[in-house]
Amino acid sequence: MKYAVVLYQSADDFAAKAPALFPAHKARLDEFHAAGDLLMVGTFGDIAKEGSMAVFASRAAAEKFVEGDPFRLNGVVRGHEIRDWNDIYS
């Protein structure tokens, strides 16, 4: 089964910006999760250095999420990457 992984790199000032934007970001996560497009999401151990990751059911869903994500639009993340990922157990 083919999925898409989104990797976010935290901006240097993410801790100052993220709290105000988190409700809108979380609402978007919830919307995509309820639709079955977002399968997993979370931060790495040191979010400042390692960022976060989300697994989407398709590349199209991942691209759509990133395109309108308040965190990306407002500089909470300084960069992102979308990678296709193949699950060998599905």
PDB file of N, CA and C in Angstrom:
ATOM      1  N   MET A   1       0.845  -1.175   0.000  1.00  0.00           N
ATOM      2  CA  MET A   1       0.000   0.000   0.000  1.00  0.00           C
ATOM      3  C   MET A   1       0.891   1.239   0.000  1.00  0.00           C
ATOM      4  N   LYS A   2       0.524   2.229  -0.765  1.00  0.00           N
ATOM      5  CA  LYS A   2       1.321   3.446  -0.874  1.00  0.00           C
ATOM      6  C   LYS A   2       0.682   4.571  -0.075  1.00  0.00           C
ATOM      7  N   TYR A   3       1.504   5.243   0.711  1.00  0.00           N
ATOM      8  CA  TYR A   3       1.081   6.374   1.525  1.00  0.00           C
ATOM      9  C   TYR A   3       1.959   7.571   1.192  1.00  0.00           C
ATOM     10  N   ALA A   4       1.697   8.688   1.851  1.00  0.00           N
ATOM     11  CA  ALA A   4       2.552   9.863   1.732  1.00  0.00           C
ATOM     12  C   ALA A   4       2.891  10.342   3.133  1.00  0.00           C
ATOM     13  N   VAL A   5       4.154  10.648   3.340  1.00  0.00           N
ATOM     14  CA  VAL A   5       4.637  11.143   4.622  1.00  0.00           C
ATOM     15  C   VAL A   5       5.005  12.615   4.462  1.00  0.00           C
ATOM     16  N   VAL A   6       4.508  13.429   5.387  1.00  0.00           N
ATOM     17  CA  VAL A   6       4.872  14.845   5.417  1.00  0.00           C
ATOM     18  C   VAL A   6       5.830  15.048   6.583  1.00  0.00           C
ATOM     19  N   LEU A   7       6.975  15.625   6.288  1.00  0.00           N
ATOM     20  CA  LEU A   7       7.962  15.971   7.305  1.00  0.00           C
ATOM     21  C   LEU A   7       7.995  17.492   7.419  1.00  0.00           C
ATOM     22  N   TYR A   8       7.769  18.003   8.621  1.00  0.00           N
ATOM     23  CA  TYR A   8       7.830  19.440   8.890  1.00  0.00           C
ATOM     24  C   TYR A   8       9.105  19.747   9.653  1.00  0.00           C
ATOM     25  N   GLN A   9       9.755  20.856   9.287  1.00  0.00           N
ATOM     26  CA  GLN A   9      10.907  21.370  10.019  1.00  0.00           C
ATOM     27  C   GLN A   9      10.429  22.586  10.800  1.00  0.00           C
ATOM     28  N   SER A  10      10.648  22.583  12.080  1.00  0.00           N
ATOM     29  CA  SER A  10      10.187  23.680  12.936  1.00  0.00           C
ATOM     30  C   SER A  10      10.970  24.959  12.658  1.00  0.00           C
ATOM     31  N   ALA A  11      10.245  26.077  12.610  1.00  0.00           N
ATOM     32  CA  ALA A  11      10.897  27.382  12.497  1.00  0.00           C
ATOM     33  C   ALA A  11      11.624  27.684  13.805  1.00  0.00           C
ATOM     34  N   ASP A  12      12.600  28.560  13.743  1.00  0.00           N
ATOM     35  CA  ASP A  12      13.363  28.906  14.948  1.00  0.00           C
ATOM     36  C   ASP A  12      12.472  29.462  16.051  1.00  0.00           C
ATOM     37  N   ASP A  13      11.434  30.209  15.678  1.00  0.00           N
ATOM     38  CA  ASP A  13      10.534  30.820  16.657  1.00  0.00           C
ATOM     39  C   ASP A  13       9.185  30.096  16.763  1.00  0.00           C
ATOM     40  N   PHE A  14       9.176  28.791  16.438  1.00  0.00           N
ATOM     41  CA  PHE A  14       7.922  28.044  16.442  1.00  0.00           C
ATOM     42  C   PHE A  14       7.227  28.081  17.804  1.00  0.00           C
ATOM     43  N   ALA A  15       7.994  28.044  18.885  1.00  0.00           N
ATOM     44  CA  ALA A  15       7.396  28.001  20.227  1.00  0.00           C
ATOM     45  C   ALA A  15       6.615  29.273  20.531  1.00  0.00           C
ATOM     46  N   ALA A  16       7.019  30.381  19.953  1.00  0.00           N
ATOM     47  CA  ALA A  16       6.304  31.641  20.165  1.00  0.00           C
ATOM     48  C   ALA A  16       5.060  31.733  19.284  1.00  0.00           C
ATOM     49  N   LYS A  17       5.127  31.172  18.082  1.00  0.00           N
ATOM     50  CA  LYS A  17       4.027  31.281  17.116  1.00  0.00           C
ATOM     51  C   LYS A  17       2.976  30.177  17.252  1.00  0.00           C
ATOM     52  N   ALA A  18       3.391  28.979  17.601  1.00  0.00           N
ATOM     53  CA  ALA A  18       2.510  27.813  17.553  1.00  0.00           C
ATOM     54  C   ALA A  18       1.278  27.895  18.451  1.00  0.00           C
ATOM     55  N   PRO A  19       1.376  28.362  19.695  1.00  0.00           N
ATOM     56  CA  PRO A  19       0.195  28.326  20.565  1.00  0.00           C
ATOM     57  C   PRO A  19      -1.034  29.044  19.997  1.00  0.00           C
ATOM     58  N   ALA A  20      -0.847  30.193  19.412  1.00  0.00           N
ATOM     59  CA  ALA A  20      -1.988  30.944  18.876  1.00  0.00           C
ATOM     60  C   ALA A  20      -2.602  30.263  17.656  1.00  0.00           C
ATOM     61  N   LEU A  21      -1.787  29.532  16.913  1.00  0.00           N
ATOM     62  CA  LEU A  21      -2.255  28.896  15.679  1.00  0.00           C
ATOM     63  C   LEU A  21      -2.647  27.434  15.867  1.00  0.00           C
ATOM     64  N   PHE A  22      -2.347  26.868  17.038  1.00  0.00           N
ATOM     65  CA  PHE A  22      -2.616  25.445  17.244  1.00  0.00           C
ATOM     66  C   PHE A  22      -4.097  25.072  17.084  1.00  0.00           C
ATOM     67  N   PRO A  23      -5.044  25.847  17.604  1.00  0.00           N
ATOM     68  CA  PRO A  23      -6.451  25.444  17.416  1.00  0.00           C
ATOM     69  C   PRO A  23      -6.845  25.283  15.942  1.00  0.00           C
ATOM     70  N   ALA A  24      -6.405  26.179  15.084  1.00  0.00           N
ATOM     71  CA  ALA A  24      -6.729  26.077  13.655  1.00  0.00           C
ATOM     72  C   ALA A  24      -5.989  24.904  13.009  1.00  0.00           C
ATOM     73  N   HIS A  25      -4.741  24.698  13.406  1.00  0.00           N
ATOM     74  CA  HIS A  25      -3.955  23.567  12.904  1.00  0.00           C
ATOM     75  C   HIS A  25      -4.606  22.248  13.333  1.00  0.00           C
ATOM     76  N   LYS A  26      -4.998  22.159  14.595  1.00  0.00           N
ATOM     77  CA  LYS A  26      -5.631  20.937  15.121  1.00  0.00           C
ATOM     78  C   LYS A  26      -6.967  20.675  14.441  1.00  0.00           C
ATOM     79  N   ALA A  27      -7.738  21.727  14.171  1.00  0.00           N
ATOM     80  CA  ALA A  27      -9.024  21.556  13.473  1.00  0.00           C
ATOM     81  C   ALA A  27      -8.791  20.966  12.082  1.00  0.00           C
ATOM     82  N   ARG A  28      -7.742  21.416  11.421  1.00  0.00           N
ATOM     83  CA  ARG A  28      -7.420  20.873  10.096  1.00  0.00           C
ATOM     84  C   ARG A  28      -6.984  19.411  10.210  1.00  0.00           C
ATOM     85  N   LEU A  29      -6.158  19.101  11.197  1.00  0.00           N
ATOM     86  CA  LEU A  29      -5.785  17.706  11.429  1.00  0.00           C
ATOM     87  C   LEU A  29      -7.026  16.846  11.653  1.00  0.00           C
ATOM     88  N   ASP A  30      -7.926  17.315  12.498  1.00  0.00           N
ATOM     89  CA  ASP A  30      -9.149  16.563  12.807  1.00  0.00           C
ATOM     90  C   ASP A  30     -10.006  16.347  11.569  1.00  0.00           C
ATOM     91  N   GLU A  31     -10.103  17.372  10.729  1.00  0.00           N
ATOM     92  CA  GLU A  31     -10.891  17.272   9.495  1.00  0.00           C
ATOM     93  C   GLU A  31     -10.332  16.185   8.574  1.00  0.00           C
ATOM     94  N   PHE A  32      -9.022  16.185   8.389  1.00  0.00           N
ATOM     95  CA  PHE A  32      -8.404  15.198   7.508  1.00  0.00           C
ATOM     96  C   PHE A  32      -8.452  13.797   8.124  1.00  0.00           C
ATOM     97  N   HIS A  33      -8.324  13.721   9.439  1.00  0.00           N
ATOM     98  CA  HIS A  33      -8.406  12.423  10.112  1.00  0.00           C
ATOM     99  C   HIS A  33      -9.820  11.847   9.999  1.00  0.00           C
ATOM    100  N   ALA A  34     -10.830  12.666  10.226  1.00  0.00           N
ATOM    101  CA  ALA A  34     -12.228  12.215  10.135  1.00  0.00           C
ATOM    102  C   ALA A  34     -12.571  11.730   8.732  1.00  0.00           C
ATOM    103  N   ALA A  35     -11.955  12.329   7.735  1.00  0.00           N
ATOM    104  CA  ALA A  35     -12.203  11.941   6.340  1.00  0.00           C
ATOM    105  C   ALA A  35     -11.424  10.688   5.942  1.00  0.00           C
ATOM    106  N   GLY A  36     -10.538  10.211   6.827  1.00  0.00           N
ATOM    107  CA  GLY A  36      -9.739   9.032   6.524  1.00  0.00           C
ATOM    108  C   GLY A  36      -8.474   9.334   5.736  1.00  0.00           C
ATOM    109  N   ASP A  37      -8.159  10.618   5.562  1.00  0.00           N
ATOM    110  CA  ASP A  37      -6.982  11.014   4.798  1.00  0.00           C
ATOM    111  C   ASP A  37      -5.707  11.082   5.634  1.00  0.00           C
ATOM    112  N   LEU A  38      -5.843  11.377   6.927  1.00  0.00           N
ATOM    113  CA  LEU A  38      -4.699  11.461   7.841  1.00  0.00           C
ATOM    114  C   LEU A  38      -4.725  10.244   8.743  1.00  0.00           C
ATOM    115  N   LEU A  39      -3.655   9.460   8.709  1.00  0.00           N
ATOM    116  CA  LEU A  39      -3.615   8.212   9.468  1.00  0.00           C
ATOM    117  C   LEU A  39      -2.891   8.356  10.797  1.00  0.00           C
ATOM    118  N   MET A  40      -1.787   9.092  10.806  1.00  0.00           N
ATOM    119  CA  MET A  40      -0.995   9.291  12.020  1.00  0.00           C
ATOM    120  C   MET A  40      -0.304  10.642  11.939  1.00  0.00           C
ATOM    121  N   VAL A  41      -0.092  11.254  13.106  1.00  0.00           N
ATOM    122  CA  VAL A  41       0.633  12.516  13.148  1.00  0.00           C
ATOM    123  C   VAL A  41       1.277  12.666  14.519  1.00  0.00           C
ATOM    124  N   GLY A  42       2.446  13.296  14.561  1.00  0.00           N
ATOM    125  CA  GLY A  42       3.088  13.537  15.844  1.00  0.00           C
ATOM    126  C   GLY A  42       4.429  14.217  15.676  1.00  0.00           C
ATOM    127  N   THR A  43       4.974  14.611  16.811  1.00  0.00           N
ATOM    128  CA  THR A  43       6.272  15.273  16.818  1.00  0.00           C
ATOM    129  C   THR A  43       7.357  14.259  17.148  1.00  0.00           C
ATOM    130  N   PHE A  44       8.573  14.584  16.754  1.00  0.00           N
ATOM    131  CA  PHE A  44       9.716  13.781  17.149  1.00  0.00           C
ATOM    132  C   PHE A  44      10.164  14.216  18.542  1.00  0.00           C
ATOM    133  N   GLY A  45      11.078  13.488  19.138  1.00  0.00           N
ATOM    134  CA  GLY A  45      11.494  13.728  20.517  1.00  0.00           C
ATOM    135  C   GLY A  45      11.902  15.156  20.821  1.00  0.00           C
ATOM    136  N   ASP A  46      12.650  15.757  19.936  1.00  0.00           N
ATOM    137  CA  ASP A  46      13.074  17.147  20.099  1.00  0.00           C
ATOM    138  C   ASP A  46      12.493  17.934  18.934  1.00  0.00           C
ATOM    139  N   ILE A  47      11.290  18.450  19.140  1.00  0.00           N
ATOM    140  CA  ILE A  47      10.572  19.103  18.042  1.00  0.00           C
ATOM    141  C   ILE A  47      11.341  20.277  17.452  1.00  0.00           C
ATOM    142  N   ALA A  48      12.102  20.982  18.271  1.00  0.00           N
ATOM    143  CA  ALA A  48      12.866  22.128  17.770  1.00  0.00           C
ATOM    144  C   ALA A  48      13.907  21.696  16.741  1.00  0.00           C
ATOM    145  N   LYS A  49      14.552  20.570  16.984  1.00  0.00           N
ATOM    146  CA  LYS A  49      15.606  20.094  16.089  1.00  0.00           C
ATOM    147  C   LYS A  49      15.101  19.105  15.043  1.00  0.00           C
ATOM    148  N   GLU A  50      14.104  18.288  15.425  1.00  0.00           N
ATOM    149  CA  GLU A  50      13.689  17.181  14.561  1.00  0.00           C
ATOM    150  C   GLU A  50      12.346  17.376  13.876  1.00  0.00           C
ATOM    151  N   GLY A  51      11.533  18.310  14.336  1.00  0.00           N
ATOM    152  CA  GLY A  51      10.259  18.601  13.694  1.00  0.00           C
ATOM    153  C   GLY A  51       9.180  17.572  13.962  1.00  0.00           C
ATOM    154  N   SER A  52       8.331  17.368  12.966  1.00  0.00           N
ATOM    155  CA  SER A  52       7.193  16.465  13.125  1.00  0.00           C
ATOM    156  C   SER A  52       6.934  15.711  11.822  1.00  0.00           C
ATOM    157  N   MET A  53       6.010  14.753  11.913  1.00  0.00           N
ATOM    158  CA  MET A  53       5.718  13.891  10.774  1.00  0.00           C
ATOM    159  C   MET A  53       4.242  13.518  10.776  1.00  0.00           C
ATOM    160  N   ALA A  54       3.677  13.389   9.587  1.00  0.00           N
ATOM    161  CA  ALA A  54       2.301  12.913   9.437  1.00  0.00           C
ATOM    162  C   ALA A  54       2.254  11.914   8.290  1.00  0.00           C
ATOM    163  N   VAL A  55       1.409  10.898   8.436  1.00  0.00           N
ATOM    164  CA  VAL A  55       1.224   9.889   7.392  1.00  0.00           C
ATOM    165  C   VAL A  55      -0.176  10.055   6.828  1.00  0.00           C
ATOM    166  N   PHE A  56      -0.242  10.227   5.520  1.00  0.00           N
ATOM    167  CA  PHE A  56      -1.516  10.429   4.823  1.00  0.00           C
ATOM    168  C   PHE A  56      -1.829   9.243   3.920  1.00  0.00           C
ATOM    169  N   ALA A  57      -3.097   9.055   3.650  1.00  0.00           N
ATOM    170  CA  ALA A  57      -3.548   7.944   2.819  1.00  0.00           C
ATOM    171  C   ALA A  57      -3.141   8.108   1.356  1.00  0.00           C
ATOM    172  N   SER A  58      -2.831   9.334   0.934  1.00  0.00           N
ATOM    173  CA  SER A  58      -2.432   9.572  -0.450  1.00  0.00           C
ATOM    174  C   SER A  58      -1.569  10.834  -0.538  1.00  0.00           C
ATOM    175  N   ARG A  59      -0.830  10.931  -1.612  1.00  0.00           N
ATOM    176  CA  ARG A  59      -0.022  12.128  -1.842  1.00  0.00           C
ATOM    177  C   ARG A  59      -0.925  13.345  -2.048  1.00  0.00           C
ATOM    178  N   ALA A  60      -2.031  13.150  -2.742  1.00  0.00           N
ATOM    179  CA  ALA A  60      -2.966  14.260  -2.982  1.00  0.00           C
ATOM    180  C   ALA A  60      -3.479  14.825  -1.664  1.00  0.00           C
ATOM    181  N   ALA A  61      -3.807  13.955  -0.717  1.00  0.00           N
ATOM    182  CA  ALA A  61      -4.288  14.418   0.594  1.00  0.00           C
ATOM    183  C   ALA A  61      -3.181  15.164   1.339  1.00  0.00           C
ATOM    184  N   ALA A  62      -1.964  14.648   1.273  1.00  0.00           N
ATOM    185  CA  ALA A  62      -0.834  15.307   1.935  1.00  0.00           C
ATOM    186  C   ALA A  62      -0.604  16.700   1.355  1.00  0.00           C
ATOM    187  N   GLU A  63      -0.623  16.802   0.036  1.00  0.00           N
ATOM    188  CA  GLU A  63      -0.421  18.095  -0.616  1.00  0.00           C
ATOM    189  C   GLU A  63      -1.526  19.076  -0.260  1.00  0.00           C
ATOM    190  N   LYS A  64      -2.755  18.600  -0.242  1.00  0.00           N
ATOM    191  CA  LYS A  64      -3.893  19.463   0.107  1.00  0.00           C
ATOM    192  C   LYS A  64      -3.777  19.952   1.548  1.00  0.00           C
ATOM    193  N   PHE A  65      -3.389  19.055   2.455  1.00  0.00           N
ATOM    194  CA  PHE A  65      -3.232  19.449   3.858  1.00  0.00           C
ATOM    195  C   PHE A  65      -2.184  20.549   3.991  1.00  0.00           C
ATOM    196  N   VAL A  66      -1.008  20.314   3.460  1.00  0.00           N
ATOM    197  CA  VAL A  66       0.105  21.262   3.580  1.00  0.00           C
ATOM    198  C   VAL A  66      -0.266  22.608   2.959  1.00  0.00           C
ATOM    199  N   GLU A  67      -0.931  22.569   1.831  1.00  0.00           N
ATOM    200  CA  GLU A  67      -1.292  23.792   1.115  1.00  0.00           C
ATOM    201  C   GLU A  67      -2.078  24.772   1.984  1.00  0.00           C
ATOM    202  N   GLY A  68      -2.972  24.265   2.829  1.00  0.00           N
ATOM    203  CA  GLY A  68      -3.807  25.142   3.642  1.00  0.00           C
ATOM    204  C   GLY A  68      -3.530  25.110   5.133  1.00  0.00           C
ATOM    205  N   ASP A  69      -2.434  24.473   5.549  1.00  0.00           N
ATOM    206  CA  ASP A  69      -2.156  24.350   6.978  1.00  0.00           C
ATOM    207  C   ASP A  69      -1.729  25.693   7.579  1.00  0.00           C
ATOM    208  N   PRO A  70      -2.424  26.150   8.619  1.00  0.00           N
ATOM    209  CA  PRO A  70      -2.060  27.410   9.272  1.00  0.00           C
ATOM    210  C   PRO A  70      -0.618  27.441   9.786  1.00  0.00           C
ATOM    211  N   PHE A  71      -0.085  26.314  10.212  1.00  0.00           N
ATOM    212  CA  PHE A  71       1.304  26.283  10.663  1.00  0.00           C
ATOM    213  C   PHE A  71       2.251  26.635   9.506  1.00  0.00           C
ATOM    214  N   ARG A  72       2.010  26.091   8.331  1.00  0.00           N
ATOM    215  CA  ARG A  72       2.872  26.388   7.190  1.00  0.00           C
ATOM    216  C   ARG A  72       2.644  27.818   6.701  1.00  0.00           C
ATOM    217  N   LEU A  73       1.393  28.223   6.622  1.00  0.00           N
ATOM    218  CA  LEU A  73       1.060  29.548   6.094  1.00  0.00           C
ATOM    219  C   LEU A  73       1.560  30.688   6.968  1.00  0.00           C
ATOM    220  N   ASN A  74       1.744  30.423   8.258  1.00  0.00           N
ATOM    221  CA  ASN A  74       2.106  31.482   9.204  1.00  0.00           C
ATOM    222  C   ASN A  74       3.496  31.312   9.822  1.00  0.00           C
ATOM    223  N   GLY A  75       4.336  30.502   9.215  1.00  0.00           N
ATOM    224  CA  GLY A  75       5.733  30.442   9.618  1.00  0.00           C
ATOM    225  C   GLY A  75       6.057  29.634  10.851  1.00  0.00           C
ATOM    226  N   VAL A  76       5.167  28.767  11.301  1.00  0.00           N
ATOM    227  CA  VAL A  76       5.502  27.881  12.417  1.00  0.00           C
ATOM    228  C   VAL A  76       6.484  26.809  11.938  1.00  0.00           C
ATOM    229  N   VAL A  77       6.364  26.442  10.677  1.00  0.00           N
ATOM    230  CA  VAL A  77       7.336  25.527  10.069  1.00  0.00           C
ATOM    231  C   VAL A  77       8.149  26.303   9.037  1.00  0.00           C
ATOM    232  N   ARG A  78       9.433  26.009   8.980  1.00  0.00           N
ATOM    233  CA  ARG A  78      10.299  26.718   8.034  1.00  0.00           C
ATOM    234  C   ARG A  78      10.451  25.967   6.731  1.00  0.00           C
ATOM    235  N   GLY A  79      10.054  24.716   6.737  1.00  0.00           N
ATOM    236  CA  GLY A  79      10.143  23.920   5.526  1.00  0.00           C
ATOM    237  C   GLY A  79       9.421  22.602   5.700  1.00  0.00           C
ATOM    238  N   HIS A  80       9.125  21.973   4.580  1.00  0.00           N
ATOM    239  CA  HIS A  80       8.473  20.661   4.634  1.00  0.00           C
ATOM    240  C   HIS A  80       8.925  19.836   3.433  1.00  0.00           C
ATOM    241  N   GLU A  81       8.669  18.540   3.560  1.00  0.00           N
ATOM    242  CA  GLU A  81       8.966  17.602   2.485  1.00  0.00           C
ATOM    243  C   GLU A  81       7.842  16.576   2.463  1.00  0.00           C
ATOM    244  N   ILE A  82       7.423  16.197   1.280  1.00  0.00           N
ATOM    245  CA  ILE A  82       6.439  15.122   1.127  1.00  0.00           C
ATOM    246  C   ILE A  82       7.155  13.967   0.435  1.00  0.00           C
ATOM    247  N   ARG A  83       7.086  12.807   1.068  1.00  0.00           N
ATOM    248  CA  ARG A  83       7.722  11.607   0.510  1.00  0.00           C
ATOM    249  C   ARG A  83       6.669  10.521   0.325  1.00  0.00           C
ATOM    250  N   ASP A  84       6.740   9.824  -0.803  1.00  0.00           N
ATOM    251  CA  ASP A  84       5.917   8.632  -0.991  1.00  0.00           C
ATOM    252  C   ASP A  84       6.515   7.521  -0.140  1.00  0.00           C
ATOM    253  N   TRP A  85       5.632   6.714   0.441  1.00  0.00           N
ATOM    254  CA  TRP A  85       6.086   5.657   1.345  1.00  0.00           C
ATOM    255  C   TRP A  85       5.271   4.399   1.104  1.00  0.00           C
ATOM    256  N   ASN A  86       5.950   3.276   0.991  1.00  0.00           N
ATOM    257  CA  ASN A  86       5.303   1.993   0.739  1.00  0.00           C
ATOM    258  C   ASN A  86       5.315   1.147   2.010  1.00  0.00           C
ATOM    259  N   ASP A  87       4.147   0.753   2.453  1.00  0.00           N
ATOM    260  CA  ASP A  87       4.014  -0.102   3.633  1.00  0.00           C
ATOM    261  C   ASP A  87       4.077  -1.556   3.165  1.00  0.00           C
ATOM    262  N   ILE A  88       5.062  -2.293   3.605  1.00  0.00           N
ATOM    263  CA  ILE A  88       5.231  -3.651   3.136  1.00  0.00           C
ATOM    264  C   ILE A  88       4.273  -4.655   3.800  1.00  0.00           C
ATOM    265  N   TYR A  89       3.600  -4.248   4.876  1.00  0.00           N
ATOM    266  CA  TYR A  89       2.686  -5.160   5.554  1.00  0.00           C
ATOM    267  C   TYR A  89       1.242  -5.031   5.129  1.00  0.00           C
ATOM    268  N   SER A  90       0.925  -4.021   4.358  1.00  0.00           N
ATOM    269  CA  SER A  90      -0.473  -3.843   3.922  1.00  0.00           C
ATOM    270  C   SER A  90      -0.726  -4.526   2.608  1.00  0.00           C
TER     271      SER A  90
END
